[in-house]
Protein backbone atom coordinates (compact mmCIF):
# COMPACT_ATOMS: atom_id res chain seq x y z
CA MET A 1 -175.56 187.66 -100.58
CA LYS A 2 -176.51 184.13 -101.68
CA LEU A 3 -173.87 182.21 -103.57
CA HIS A 4 -176.03 179.49 -104.96
CA SER A 5 -174.69 178.88 -108.47
CA GLU A 6 -172.05 176.24 -108.98
CA LEU A 7 -169.17 177.58 -111.12
CA ILE A 8 -166.08 175.80 -112.60
CA LEU A 9 -162.91 177.91 -112.94
CA TYR A 10 -161.04 176.90 -116.08
CA GLU A 11 -157.66 178.00 -117.53
CA GLN A 12 -156.87 177.99 -121.24
CA SER A 13 -153.41 178.34 -122.60
CA SER A 14 -152.20 178.52 -126.11
CA VAL A 15 -149.83 175.90 -127.81
CA SER A 16 -147.81 176.26 -130.91
CA ASP A 17 -149.36 174.96 -134.11
CA GLY A 18 -145.95 174.23 -135.72
CA ALA A 19 -146.26 176.92 -138.29
CA GLY A 20 -145.38 179.96 -136.23
CA GLY A 21 -148.92 180.50 -134.82
CA MET A 22 -150.68 179.69 -131.67
CA THR A 23 -153.85 177.55 -131.16
CA PRO A 24 -155.93 177.46 -128.03
CA SER A 25 -155.47 174.28 -125.95
CA PRO A 26 -158.44 172.45 -124.31
CA LEU A 27 -159.89 173.98 -121.12
CA THR A 28 -158.15 172.80 -117.92
CA GLU A 29 -160.30 172.71 -114.82
CA ILE A 30 -158.72 174.42 -111.87
CA THR A 31 -161.41 174.34 -109.15
CA LYS A 32 -165.09 174.35 -108.40
CA LEU A 33 -166.69 177.28 -106.51
CA TRP A 34 -169.96 178.80 -105.50
CA GLY A 35 -171.13 182.20 -106.77
CA SER A 36 -173.93 184.53 -107.78
CA VAL A 37 -174.48 185.09 -111.52
CA LYS A 38 -176.79 187.70 -112.93
CA PRO A 39 -176.96 189.45 -116.36
CA LEU A 40 -176.09 193.10 -116.64
CA SER A 41 -179.13 195.23 -117.00
CA GLY A 42 -180.22 198.76 -117.78
CA SER A 43 -177.90 201.11 -119.53
CA ILE A 44 -174.80 199.26 -118.31
CA GLY A 45 -176.12 196.11 -120.02
CA MET A 46 -176.93 198.03 -123.25
CA ASN A 47 -173.53 199.68 -123.33
CA PHE A 48 -171.74 196.34 -122.67
CA GLN A 49 -173.72 194.67 -125.53
CA GLN A 50 -172.93 197.48 -127.94
CA THR A 51 -169.19 197.30 -127.04
CA TYR A 52 -168.68 193.44 -127.08
CA GLY A 53 -171.65 192.26 -129.14
CA VAL A 54 -172.78 189.67 -126.54
CA GLN A 55 -174.65 189.61 -123.19
CA GLY A 56 -172.69 190.72 -120.18
CA TYR A 57 -172.88 188.98 -116.79
CA GLU A 58 -171.84 190.03 -113.25
CA VAL A 59 -170.50 187.11 -111.24
CA THR A 60 -169.68 187.40 -107.56
CA ILE A 61 -167.60 184.86 -105.61
CA ARG A 62 -165.84 184.78 -102.30
CA THR A 63 -162.32 186.23 -102.47
CA ASP A 64 -159.81 183.43 -102.76
CA PHE A 65 -156.36 184.64 -101.68
CA ASP A 66 -154.60 181.53 -102.97
CA ARG A 67 -154.98 182.53 -106.64
CA SER A 68 -154.99 185.84 -108.43
CA PRO A 69 -157.94 185.89 -110.80
CA ASP A 70 -157.26 187.52 -114.19
CA ARG A 71 -158.45 187.49 -117.78
CA ASN A 72 -156.85 184.11 -118.53
CA TYR A 73 -159.61 182.30 -116.61
CA ILE A 74 -162.91 181.11 -117.97
CA LEU A 75 -165.91 180.46 -115.73
CA GLY A 76 -168.12 177.50 -116.61
CA TYR A 77 -171.71 177.99 -115.52
CA ASN A 78 -174.77 175.71 -115.77
CA GLY A 79 -177.83 177.19 -114.21
CA ILE A 80 -180.92 179.25 -114.85
CA TYR A 81 -179.43 181.06 -117.83
CA GLY A 82 -178.29 177.75 -119.46
CA GLU A 83 -174.95 176.22 -119.92
CA LYS A 84 -172.37 178.91 -120.61
CA ASN A 85 -168.76 179.66 -120.68
CA LEU A 86 -168.27 183.17 -119.23
CA PHE A 87 -165.08 185.02 -120.31
CA ILE A 88 -163.68 187.45 -117.73
CA VAL A 89 -163.42 191.03 -118.98
CA TYR A 90 -162.78 192.83 -115.70
CA PRO A 91 -162.15 191.49 -112.20
CA LEU A 92 -162.87 193.64 -109.12
CA ILE A 93 -161.19 192.13 -106.03
CA ASP A 94 -162.51 193.24 -102.59
CA LYS A 95 -161.71 192.11 -99.02
CA HIS A 96 -164.50 189.55 -98.83
CA TYR A 97 -165.92 189.22 -102.39
CA THR A 98 -164.52 189.19 -105.84
CA LYS A 99 -166.72 190.46 -108.66
CA PHE A 100 -166.17 189.56 -112.32
CA ILE A 101 -167.68 191.39 -115.30
CA CYS A 102 -167.94 188.64 -117.86
CA LYS A 103 -169.06 188.28 -121.38
CA GLY A 104 -171.01 185.26 -122.53
CA GLU A 105 -170.32 183.13 -125.58
CA ASN A 106 -171.54 184.43 -128.93
CA LYS A 107 -173.49 181.33 -129.98
CA LEU A 108 -177.02 180.71 -130.81
CA PRO A 109 -179.02 177.61 -129.63
CA THR A 110 -179.43 175.06 -132.35
CA GLU A 111 -182.61 173.15 -133.02
CA SER A 112 -182.80 169.84 -134.79
CA SER A 113 -185.84 168.66 -136.59
């Protein structure tokens, strides 16, 4: 398996807004890593898009035993599919590789004229 896409692992926490609510803080970069990113396809991709309303991605990295990946992390990706923030929906941790099922951002590209 070729891990040829550069990824940035971010963490985002919430801070109090002073009125009893919480607002998301800016993204904090944790580390840079290499992985394989590909969109979900076939019936799995269609079911994912119906459920979440956005394109789903499968991201594979080498398993890092120093940190436990969970849904609080965001993967930054800049490659063939454009510049995206991928939000982890489901991590699958194996002995050698960790696979994340992620959802992409729900944003449309803007054009200026």
